[in-house]
Amino acid sequence: IYRLDVIPPVNTQLPVDELIDYLYDNAIVTECNFSMAKMYNLSSPQDLVNLKLIDFHGGRDIPTNRNEVKKFILNGFIVNNEETIEKDVDGNLHYFSNTSIGIVKENLLYSVWGTQTDITEKKKYELELIKAKEKAEESDRLKTAFLQNLSHEIRTPLNTIVGFSERI
């Protein structure tokens, strides 16, 4: 669980890309629980407090993460189960599922409350399944090609034998 405060609050009517960059630079962690700190391999929630979104969200140029922030804005400052790819303090990649809601008053975004779940193991299994499926499909294509070639190679001499046997 976390809370980001936007300091100073931002006008929600700004163009989307400008708003995204503003949030990266001005959304600051003001609260989080121990579980969130642990996701980044930190020993205390205080290690995340006062960090800007850009400091732990992987930077403004990761397309998956930037898209998540864009969806947050375009969906009226709310998202459910959006995935991001982030690094912990040791540089290990983690996949997170985020649910966030913005606190907006008079067209100003003041803060963001949210939850984050580490889905790294789930994503690893998904990627392994995708690779296994692709490998099985490739094996099926190779088997089909082999059988087509074998069928052709057998039919040619058999046609010759059948042709000779009909003449007899």
Protein backbone atom coordinates (compact mmCIF):
# COMPACT_ATOMS: atom_id res chain seq x y z
CA ILE A 1 0.00 0.00 0.00
CA TYR A 2 1.33 3.44 -0.82
CA ARG A 3 0.48 7.10 -1.11
CA LEU A 4 2.14 9.53 -3.47
CA ASP A 5 1.64 13.25 -2.96
CA VAL A 6 1.93 15.52 -5.98
CA ILE A 7 3.88 18.58 -4.85
CA PRO A 8 2.70 21.06 -5.94
CA PRO A 9 -0.66 19.66 -7.13
CA VAL A 10 -0.94 19.49 -10.91
CA ASN A 11 -3.64 20.72 -13.25
CA THR A 12 -5.33 17.62 -14.68
CA GLN A 13 -6.11 19.50 -17.90
CA LEU A 14 -2.47 19.51 -19.06
CA PRO A 15 -1.61 17.50 -22.20
CA VAL A 16 -1.14 13.81 -21.32
CA ASP A 17 2.61 13.56 -22.03
CA GLU A 18 3.28 16.74 -20.07
CA LEU A 19 1.22 15.40 -17.19
CA ILE A 20 3.09 12.09 -17.23
CA ASP A 21 6.47 13.86 -17.02
CA TYR A 22 5.17 16.12 -14.27
CA LEU A 23 4.08 13.10 -12.21
CA TYR A 24 7.46 11.40 -12.66
CA ASP A 25 9.19 14.52 -11.36
CA ASN A 26 6.72 15.67 -8.68
CA ALA A 27 4.86 12.64 -7.30
CA ILE A 28 6.63 11.80 -4.03
CA VAL A 29 6.16 8.75 -1.81
CA THR A 30 4.75 10.01 1.48
CA GLU A 31 3.53 6.68 2.88
CA CYS A 32 3.99 3.00 2.19
CA ASN A 33 3.86 -0.23 4.12
CA PHE A 34 6.62 -2.70 4.88
CA SER A 35 5.47 -5.04 2.08
CA MET A 36 6.06 -2.39 -0.55
CA ALA A 37 9.53 -1.64 0.79
CA LYS A 38 10.30 -5.36 0.73
CA MET A 39 9.31 -5.52 -2.97
CA TYR A 40 12.23 -3.20 -3.72
CA ASN A 41 14.51 -5.17 -1.39
CA LEU A 42 14.52 -2.32 1.14
CA SER A 43 14.57 -2.91 4.89
CA SER A 44 12.13 -0.17 5.88
CA PRO A 45 9.24 1.83 4.40
CA GLN A 46 11.24 4.95 5.33
CA ASP A 47 13.73 4.00 2.60
CA LEU A 48 11.01 4.73 0.01
CA VAL A 49 9.53 7.83 1.66
CA ASN A 50 10.51 11.08 -0.09
CA LEU A 51 11.53 9.29 -3.30
CA LYS A 52 10.01 10.64 -6.51
CA LEU A 53 8.05 8.35 -8.82
CA ILE A 54 10.91 8.49 -11.34
CA ASP A 55 13.34 7.17 -8.68
CA PHE A 56 11.66 3.77 -8.33
CA HIS A 57 9.32 3.42 -11.32
CA GLY A 58 12.15 2.60 -13.69
CA GLY A 59 12.46 5.97 -15.40
CA ARG A 60 10.19 7.87 -17.72
CA ASP A 61 11.26 6.04 -20.89
CA ILE A 62 10.17 2.47 -20.16
CA PRO A 63 7.19 2.05 -22.52
CA THR A 64 5.28 -0.40 -20.28
CA ASN A 65 5.51 1.89 -17.26
CA ARG A 66 4.83 5.08 -19.17
CA ASN A 67 1.76 3.42 -20.68
CA GLU A 68 0.54 2.51 -17.20
CA VAL A 69 0.77 6.15 -16.11
CA LYS A 70 -0.96 7.20 -19.35
CA LYS A 71 -3.82 4.74 -18.69
CA PHE A 72 -4.08 6.13 -15.16
CA ILE A 73 -4.58 9.64 -16.57
CA LEU A 74 -6.89 8.66 -19.45
CA ASN A 75 -9.09 6.52 -17.18
CA GLY A 76 -9.90 9.45 -14.94
CA PHE A 77 -6.98 8.91 -12.54
CA ILE A 78 -7.80 5.33 -11.70
CA VAL A 79 -6.34 1.97 -12.83
CA ASN A 80 -6.92 -1.63 -11.83
CA ASN A 81 -4.29 -4.35 -12.14
CA GLU A 82 -1.99 -2.54 -14.55
CA GLU A 83 1.45 -4.12 -14.93
CA THR A 84 4.78 -2.35 -14.59
CA ILE A 85 8.38 -3.56 -14.85
CA GLU A 86 10.66 -2.15 -12.16
CA LYS A 87 14.01 -2.84 -10.54
CA ASP A 88 14.78 -3.34 -6.88
CA VAL A 89 17.81 -1.73 -5.24
CA ASP A 90 19.99 -4.66 -6.40
CA GLY A 91 18.96 -4.18 -10.04
CA ASN A 92 16.71 -7.27 -10.20
CA LEU A 93 13.67 -6.93 -12.46
CA HIS A 94 10.23 -7.30 -10.92
CA TYR A 95 6.78 -7.29 -12.45
CA PHE A 96 4.16 -5.47 -10.40
CA SER A 97 0.40 -5.26 -10.69
CA ASN A 98 -0.84 -1.82 -9.65
CA THR A 99 -4.23 -0.51 -8.63
CA SER A 100 -4.28 3.25 -8.08
CA ILE A 101 -6.74 6.06 -7.55
CA GLY A 102 -5.97 9.76 -7.75
CA ILE A 103 -7.36 12.36 -5.39
CA VAL A 104 -8.57 15.20 -7.62
CA LYS A 105 -10.23 18.40 -6.45
CA GLU A 106 -11.11 21.34 -8.71
CA ASN A 107 -9.06 19.88 -11.59
CA LEU A 108 -5.94 19.51 -9.45
CA LEU A 109 -4.36 16.13 -8.71
CA TYR A 110 -3.19 16.16 -5.09
CA SER A 111 -2.23 12.56 -4.39
CA VAL A 112 -2.42 8.96 -5.52
CA TRP A 113 -3.36 6.06 -3.28
CA GLY A 114 -2.61 2.55 -4.43
CA THR A 115 -1.70 -1.04 -3.91
CA GLN A 116 1.03 -2.96 -5.62
CA THR A 117 1.49 -6.72 -5.87
CA ASP A 118 4.67 -8.49 -6.96
CA ILE A 119 3.71 -10.81 -9.83
CA THR A 120 7.26 -11.66 -10.92
CA GLU A 121 6.89 -15.43 -10.39
CA LYS A 122 3.59 -15.46 -12.28
CA LYS A 123 5.18 -13.58 -15.19
CA LYS A 124 8.13 -16.00 -15.26
CA TYR A 125 5.73 -18.95 -15.56
CA GLU A 126 3.73 -17.13 -18.25
CA LEU A 127 6.91 -16.48 -20.25
CA GLU A 128 7.98 -20.13 -19.85
CA LEU A 129 4.56 -21.29 -21.07
CA ILE A 130 4.75 -18.98 -24.08
CA LYS A 131 8.22 -20.32 -24.95
CA ALA A 132 7.03 -23.93 -24.52
CA LYS A 133 3.99 -23.24 -26.74
CA GLU A 134 6.17 -21.66 -29.42
CA LYS A 135 8.57 -24.62 -29.26
CA ALA A 136 5.66 -27.08 -29.58
CA GLU A 137 4.25 -25.16 -32.54
CA GLU A 138 7.66 -25.16 -34.22
CA SER A 139 7.99 -28.92 -33.60
CA ASP A 140 4.56 -29.42 -35.13
CA ARG A 141 5.56 -27.38 -38.21
CA LEU A 142 8.77 -29.40 -38.59
CA LYS A 143 6.90 -32.71 -38.19
CA THR A 144 4.32 -31.66 -40.81
CA ALA A 145 7.05 -30.60 -43.24
CA PHE A 146 8.92 -33.88 -42.65
CA LEU A 147 5.80 -35.97 -43.26
CA GLN A 148 4.98 -34.02 -46.42
CA ASN A 149 8.51 -34.58 -47.75
CA LEU A 150 8.46 -38.24 -46.74
CA SER A 151 5.07 -38.73 -48.39
CA HIS A 152 6.34 -37.14 -51.59
CA GLU A 153 9.55 -39.19 -51.55
CA ILE A 154 7.62 -42.43 -51.10
CA ARG A 155 4.90 -41.62 -53.64
CA THR A 156 7.34 -41.00 -56.49
CA PRO A 157 8.91 -44.51 -56.49
CA LEU A 158 5.55 -46.13 -55.68
CA ASN A 159 3.95 -44.46 -58.68
CA THR A 160 6.75 -45.89 -60.83
CA ILE A 161 6.27 -49.38 -59.36
CA VAL A 162 2.49 -49.19 -59.81
CA GLY A 163 2.99 -47.99 -63.37
CA PHE A 164 5.29 -50.94 -64.19
CA SER A 165 2.98 -53.43 -62.49
CA GLU A 166 0.00 -52.27 -64.56
CA ARG A 167 1.92 -52.95 -67.77
CA ILE A 168 2.49 -56.52 -66.84
